N, C-alpha and C. Protein backbone atom coordinates (compact mmCIF):
# COMPACT_ATOMS: atom_id res chain seq x y z
N GLN A 1 -11.57 12.04 13.93
CA GLN A 1 -10.24 12.18 13.35
C GLN A 1 -10.12 11.28 12.13
N VAL A 2 -9.72 11.85 11.02
CA VAL A 2 -9.56 11.09 9.78
C VAL A 2 -8.19 10.42 9.78
N GLN A 3 -8.17 9.13 9.53
CA GLN A 3 -6.90 8.43 9.52
C GLN A 3 -6.95 7.21 8.62
N LEU A 4 -5.75 6.70 8.31
CA LEU A 4 -5.58 5.47 7.56
C LEU A 4 -4.93 4.44 8.48
N VAL A 5 -5.48 3.25 8.49
CA VAL A 5 -4.96 2.19 9.34
C VAL A 5 -4.59 1.00 8.48
N GLU A 6 -3.30 0.64 8.52
CA GLU A 6 -2.79 -0.46 7.70
C GLU A 6 -2.74 -1.76 8.50
N SER A 7 -2.78 -2.85 7.79
CA SER A 7 -2.61 -4.16 8.39
C SER A 7 -2.11 -5.13 7.33
N GLY A 8 -1.57 -6.27 7.79
CA GLY A 8 -1.19 -7.32 6.86
C GLY A 8 0.29 -7.52 6.64
N GLY A 9 1.13 -6.69 7.24
CA GLY A 9 2.56 -6.90 7.07
C GLY A 9 3.04 -8.10 7.85
N GLY A 10 4.32 -8.43 7.68
CA GLY A 10 4.86 -9.57 8.41
C GLY A 10 6.11 -10.10 7.76
N LEU A 11 6.47 -11.32 8.18
CA LEU A 11 7.67 -12.00 7.69
C LEU A 11 7.24 -13.13 6.76
N VAL A 12 7.87 -13.20 5.61
CA VAL A 12 7.55 -14.24 4.64
C VAL A 12 8.83 -14.66 3.92
N GLN A 13 8.86 -15.89 3.46
CA GLN A 13 10.01 -16.36 2.70
C GLN A 13 9.93 -15.87 1.26
N ALA A 14 11.09 -15.78 0.63
CA ALA A 14 11.13 -15.39 -0.78
C ALA A 14 10.24 -16.33 -1.60
N GLY A 15 9.49 -15.72 -2.51
CA GLY A 15 8.55 -16.49 -3.32
C GLY A 15 7.15 -16.54 -2.74
N GLY A 16 7.01 -16.11 -1.51
CA GLY A 16 5.72 -16.14 -0.84
C GLY A 16 4.87 -14.92 -1.16
N SER A 17 3.72 -14.84 -0.47
CA SER A 17 2.76 -13.77 -0.72
C SER A 17 2.30 -13.13 0.57
N LEU A 18 1.92 -11.88 0.47
CA LEU A 18 1.30 -11.15 1.56
C LEU A 18 0.25 -10.22 0.96
N ARG A 19 -0.76 -9.91 1.77
CA ARG A 19 -1.78 -8.95 1.35
C ARG A 19 -1.87 -7.85 2.39
N LEU A 20 -1.62 -6.63 1.95
CA LEU A 20 -1.75 -5.47 2.82
C LEU A 20 -3.13 -4.84 2.63
N SER A 21 -3.67 -4.34 3.73
CA SER A 21 -4.94 -3.62 3.70
C SER A 21 -4.77 -2.26 4.35
N CYS A 22 -5.55 -1.30 3.91
CA CYS A 22 -5.50 0.03 4.49
C CYS A 22 -6.92 0.61 4.47
N ALA A 23 -7.45 0.87 5.65
CA ALA A 23 -8.82 1.36 5.76
C ALA A 23 -8.83 2.80 6.25
N ALA A 24 -9.65 3.60 5.62
CA ALA A 24 -9.84 4.99 6.06
C ALA A 24 -10.97 5.03 7.08
N SER A 25 -10.74 5.82 8.14
CA SER A 25 -11.78 5.95 9.16
C SER A 25 -11.95 7.42 9.53
N GLY A 26 -13.06 7.70 10.21
CA GLY A 26 -13.38 9.08 10.55
C GLY A 26 -14.47 9.60 9.62
N THR A 27 -14.67 10.88 9.64
CA THR A 27 -15.67 11.52 8.79
C THR A 27 -15.07 11.73 7.41
N ILE A 28 -15.41 10.83 6.50
CA ILE A 28 -14.83 10.86 5.16
C ILE A 28 -15.86 11.43 4.19
N LEU A 29 -15.53 12.56 3.60
CA LEU A 29 -16.41 13.18 2.61
C LEU A 29 -15.96 12.84 1.20
N SER A 30 -14.67 12.59 1.04
CA SER A 30 -14.14 12.32 -0.29
C SER A 30 -12.86 11.50 -0.18
N ILE A 31 -12.77 10.49 -1.06
CA ILE A 31 -11.52 9.74 -1.22
C ILE A 31 -11.20 9.71 -2.69
N ASN A 32 -10.08 10.26 -3.06
CA ASN A 32 -9.67 10.22 -4.45
C ASN A 32 -8.59 9.15 -4.63
N ALA A 33 -7.43 9.53 -5.12
CA ALA A 33 -6.39 8.52 -5.36
C ALA A 33 -5.92 7.89 -4.05
N MET A 34 -5.59 6.62 -4.13
CA MET A 34 -5.02 5.87 -3.01
C MET A 34 -3.79 5.14 -3.51
N GLY A 35 -2.86 4.85 -2.61
CA GLY A 35 -1.66 4.18 -3.06
C GLY A 35 -0.82 3.63 -1.93
N TRP A 36 0.22 2.96 -2.34
CA TRP A 36 1.18 2.38 -1.40
C TRP A 36 2.59 2.85 -1.75
N TYR A 37 3.34 3.23 -0.73
CA TYR A 37 4.74 3.60 -0.85
C TYR A 37 5.54 2.66 0.06
N ARG A 38 6.84 2.63 -0.17
CA ARG A 38 7.69 1.88 0.74
C ARG A 38 9.01 2.61 0.94
N ARG A 39 9.61 2.32 2.09
CA ARG A 39 10.87 2.97 2.43
C ARG A 39 11.80 1.95 3.06
N THR A 40 13.04 1.94 2.57
CA THR A 40 14.09 1.13 3.17
C THR A 40 15.20 2.06 3.63
N PRO A 41 15.97 1.69 4.66
CA PRO A 41 17.04 2.56 5.16
C PRO A 41 18.02 2.93 4.06
N GLY A 42 18.33 4.21 3.98
CA GLY A 42 19.33 4.67 3.02
C GLY A 42 18.79 4.93 1.63
N LYS A 43 17.50 4.68 1.43
CA LYS A 43 16.89 4.90 0.11
C LYS A 43 15.73 5.87 0.22
N PRO A 44 15.44 6.60 -0.84
CA PRO A 44 14.28 7.49 -0.80
C PRO A 44 12.98 6.69 -0.82
N ARG A 45 11.94 7.32 -0.34
CA ARG A 45 10.63 6.67 -0.38
C ARG A 45 10.23 6.40 -1.84
N GLU A 46 9.67 5.24 -2.07
CA GLU A 46 9.35 4.80 -3.44
C GLU A 46 7.86 4.55 -3.57
N LEU A 47 7.28 5.07 -4.64
CA LEU A 47 5.88 4.74 -4.95
C LEU A 47 5.84 3.31 -5.46
N VAL A 48 5.05 2.48 -4.84
CA VAL A 48 4.90 1.09 -5.25
C VAL A 48 3.75 0.96 -6.24
N ALA A 49 2.61 1.48 -5.87
CA ALA A 49 1.43 1.39 -6.74
C ALA A 49 0.41 2.43 -6.30
N SER A 50 -0.38 2.87 -7.26
CA SER A 50 -1.46 3.80 -6.95
C SER A 50 -2.68 3.42 -7.76
N ILE A 51 -3.84 3.90 -7.31
CA ILE A 51 -5.08 3.58 -7.99
C ILE A 51 -6.04 4.75 -7.85
N THR A 52 -6.67 5.10 -8.97
CA THR A 52 -7.62 6.20 -8.96
C THR A 52 -8.96 5.74 -8.40
N ARG A 53 -9.84 6.68 -8.17
CA ARG A 53 -11.16 6.35 -7.65
C ARG A 53 -11.91 5.39 -8.59
N ARG A 54 -11.65 5.52 -9.88
CA ARG A 54 -12.33 4.68 -10.86
C ARG A 54 -11.62 3.36 -11.10
N GLY A 55 -10.45 3.16 -10.45
CA GLY A 55 -9.80 1.87 -10.54
C GLY A 55 -8.63 1.77 -11.51
N SER A 56 -8.19 2.89 -12.04
CA SER A 56 -7.03 2.87 -12.92
C SER A 56 -5.76 2.78 -12.07
N ALA A 57 -4.96 1.75 -12.34
CA ALA A 57 -3.79 1.47 -11.50
C ALA A 57 -2.48 1.81 -12.20
N ASN A 58 -1.49 2.10 -11.37
CA ASN A 58 -0.14 2.42 -11.85
C ASN A 58 0.84 1.71 -10.92
N TYR A 59 1.92 1.16 -11.51
CA TYR A 59 2.88 0.37 -10.72
C TYR A 59 4.32 0.81 -10.97
N ALA A 60 5.14 0.66 -9.96
CA ALA A 60 6.57 0.80 -10.15
C ALA A 60 7.05 -0.37 -11.01
N ASP A 61 8.06 -0.11 -11.83
CA ASP A 61 8.57 -1.17 -12.70
C ASP A 61 9.02 -2.39 -11.90
N SER A 62 9.55 -2.16 -10.71
CA SER A 62 10.11 -3.25 -9.91
C SER A 62 9.05 -4.23 -9.40
N VAL A 63 7.79 -3.85 -9.43
CA VAL A 63 6.74 -4.73 -8.90
C VAL A 63 5.72 -5.15 -9.95
N LYS A 64 5.84 -4.64 -11.15
CA LYS A 64 4.89 -4.99 -12.21
C LYS A 64 4.86 -6.50 -12.42
N GLY A 65 3.66 -7.05 -12.52
CA GLY A 65 3.50 -8.47 -12.72
C GLY A 65 3.52 -9.30 -11.45
N ARG A 66 3.90 -8.67 -10.33
CA ARG A 66 3.95 -9.39 -9.06
C ARG A 66 2.96 -8.82 -8.03
N PHE A 67 2.76 -7.53 -8.06
CA PHE A 67 1.87 -6.86 -7.09
C PHE A 67 0.61 -6.40 -7.80
N THR A 68 -0.49 -6.41 -7.07
CA THR A 68 -1.77 -5.92 -7.59
C THR A 68 -2.43 -5.02 -6.56
N ILE A 69 -2.76 -3.82 -6.97
CA ILE A 69 -3.47 -2.89 -6.10
C ILE A 69 -4.94 -2.90 -6.46
N SER A 70 -5.79 -2.81 -5.44
CA SER A 70 -7.23 -2.76 -5.67
C SER A 70 -7.85 -1.93 -4.55
N ARG A 71 -9.10 -1.58 -4.73
CA ARG A 71 -9.78 -0.79 -3.71
C ARG A 71 -11.25 -1.14 -3.66
N ASP A 72 -11.83 -0.95 -2.50
CA ASP A 72 -13.26 -1.14 -2.29
C ASP A 72 -13.78 0.20 -1.78
N ASN A 73 -14.40 0.97 -2.65
CA ASN A 73 -14.83 2.32 -2.27
C ASN A 73 -15.89 2.28 -1.17
N ALA A 74 -16.74 1.29 -1.18
CA ALA A 74 -17.78 1.19 -0.15
C ALA A 74 -17.17 0.96 1.24
N LYS A 75 -16.07 0.22 1.26
CA LYS A 75 -15.40 -0.06 2.54
C LYS A 75 -14.29 0.95 2.83
N LYS A 76 -14.07 1.89 1.92
CA LYS A 76 -13.02 2.91 2.08
C LYS A 76 -11.66 2.24 2.33
N THR A 77 -11.37 1.21 1.57
CA THR A 77 -10.18 0.39 1.80
C THR A 77 -9.43 0.17 0.50
N VAL A 78 -8.10 0.19 0.62
CA VAL A 78 -7.23 -0.14 -0.51
C VAL A 78 -6.39 -1.35 -0.10
N TYR A 79 -6.11 -2.20 -1.07
CA TYR A 79 -5.37 -3.43 -0.82
C TYR A 79 -4.13 -3.48 -1.71
N LEU A 80 -3.14 -4.23 -1.26
CA LEU A 80 -1.97 -4.52 -2.08
C LEU A 80 -1.65 -6.00 -1.95
N GLN A 81 -1.95 -6.74 -3.00
CA GLN A 81 -1.62 -8.16 -3.05
C GLN A 81 -0.21 -8.29 -3.59
N MET A 82 0.66 -8.89 -2.80
CA MET A 82 2.07 -9.02 -3.17
C MET A 82 2.41 -10.49 -3.33
N ASN A 83 2.74 -10.88 -4.55
CA ASN A 83 3.11 -12.26 -4.86
C ASN A 83 4.57 -12.32 -5.29
N SER A 84 5.12 -13.53 -5.28
CA SER A 84 6.51 -13.74 -5.72
C SER A 84 7.45 -12.74 -5.04
N LEU A 85 7.30 -12.62 -3.75
CA LEU A 85 8.09 -11.63 -3.00
C LEU A 85 9.57 -11.94 -3.05
N LYS A 86 10.36 -10.88 -3.07
CA LYS A 86 11.82 -10.98 -3.12
C LYS A 86 12.41 -10.29 -1.89
N PRO A 87 13.61 -10.66 -1.51
CA PRO A 87 14.25 -9.99 -0.36
C PRO A 87 14.32 -8.47 -0.54
N GLU A 88 14.48 -8.02 -1.77
CA GLU A 88 14.56 -6.58 -2.01
C GLU A 88 13.22 -5.87 -1.84
N ASP A 89 12.15 -6.60 -1.62
CA ASP A 89 10.86 -5.99 -1.31
C ASP A 89 10.75 -5.65 0.18
N THR A 90 11.73 -6.07 0.96
CA THR A 90 11.73 -5.77 2.38
C THR A 90 11.74 -4.26 2.60
N ALA A 91 10.77 -3.76 3.37
CA ALA A 91 10.63 -2.31 3.58
C ALA A 91 9.48 -2.07 4.55
N VAL A 92 9.36 -0.82 4.98
CA VAL A 92 8.15 -0.38 5.65
C VAL A 92 7.22 0.15 4.56
N TYR A 93 6.02 -0.37 4.52
CA TYR A 93 5.05 0.02 3.51
C TYR A 93 4.04 0.99 4.12
N TYR A 94 3.82 2.09 3.41
CA TYR A 94 2.93 3.13 3.88
C TYR A 94 1.75 3.30 2.92
N CYS A 95 0.59 3.38 3.48
CA CYS A 95 -0.61 3.70 2.72
C CYS A 95 -0.73 5.22 2.59
N ASN A 96 -1.20 5.66 1.45
CA ASN A 96 -1.38 7.09 1.20
C ASN A 96 -2.71 7.29 0.49
N ALA A 97 -3.40 8.35 0.85
CA ALA A 97 -4.67 8.63 0.17
C ALA A 97 -5.02 10.10 0.24
N ASP A 98 -5.75 10.53 -0.75
CA ASP A 98 -6.31 11.88 -0.75
C ASP A 98 -7.66 11.77 -0.03
N LEU A 99 -7.66 12.11 1.26
CA LEU A 99 -8.88 12.04 2.07
C LEU A 99 -9.36 13.45 2.34
N ASN A 100 -10.60 13.70 1.98
CA ASN A 100 -11.16 15.04 2.19
C ASN A 100 -10.23 16.11 1.64
N TRP A 101 -9.67 15.83 0.46
CA TRP A 101 -8.82 16.76 -0.28
C TRP A 101 -7.52 17.08 0.47
N ARG A 102 -7.10 16.14 1.33
CA ARG A 102 -5.84 16.30 2.05
C ARG A 102 -5.00 15.04 1.88
N ASP A 103 -3.69 15.22 1.70
CA ASP A 103 -2.77 14.11 1.58
C ASP A 103 -2.60 13.46 2.95
N THR A 104 -2.96 12.19 3.07
CA THR A 104 -2.98 11.51 4.36
C THR A 104 -2.14 10.25 4.30
N TRP A 105 -1.41 9.97 5.39
CA TRP A 105 -0.53 8.81 5.44
C TRP A 105 -0.93 7.88 6.60
N GLY A 106 -0.72 6.60 6.36
CA GLY A 106 -0.86 5.63 7.43
C GLY A 106 0.41 5.56 8.25
N GLN A 107 0.38 4.72 9.28
CA GLN A 107 1.51 4.65 10.21
C GLN A 107 2.63 3.75 9.70
N GLY A 108 2.36 2.95 8.69
CA GLY A 108 3.36 2.06 8.13
C GLY A 108 3.27 0.66 8.69
N THR A 109 3.60 -0.31 7.85
CA THR A 109 3.62 -1.71 8.28
C THR A 109 4.87 -2.37 7.69
N GLN A 110 5.56 -3.14 8.53
CA GLN A 110 6.82 -3.76 8.11
C GLN A 110 6.57 -5.01 7.30
N VAL A 111 7.24 -5.11 6.16
CA VAL A 111 7.25 -6.34 5.36
C VAL A 111 8.70 -6.80 5.27
N THR A 112 8.94 -8.04 5.70
CA THR A 112 10.28 -8.60 5.67
C THR A 112 10.26 -9.89 4.87
N VAL A 113 11.10 -9.96 3.84
CA VAL A 113 11.17 -11.15 2.99
C VAL A 113 12.54 -11.79 3.19
N SER A 114 12.53 -13.01 3.69
CA SER A 114 13.78 -13.72 3.95
C SER A 114 14.18 -14.54 2.73
N SER A 115 15.49 -14.67 2.56
CA SER A 115 16.00 -15.42 1.39
C SER A 115 16.19 -16.89 1.72
């Protein structure tokens, strides 16, 4: 079974840092774009950052300069380094990837930033 498994969420104070990881498992023939989304109650799901297979990254304006997305193709893993966290970054973060030419989602990991 092909799946994405996230880790690294938690509770942090404003100004702190967290690193999210998302690993693909199962029979993987192809991984193209990978990314992170987040969702807060009452708001639509938001693209936080994405990265192509070759490493070209794209960020939401709200996280530019604070978050960094990266990937390790050999480990089939994408990372999201989050620095200078703000209370408004509080959300469930979801990993997304094009695995075997199918749009695949992780189960989500909670990030809570206290003021």
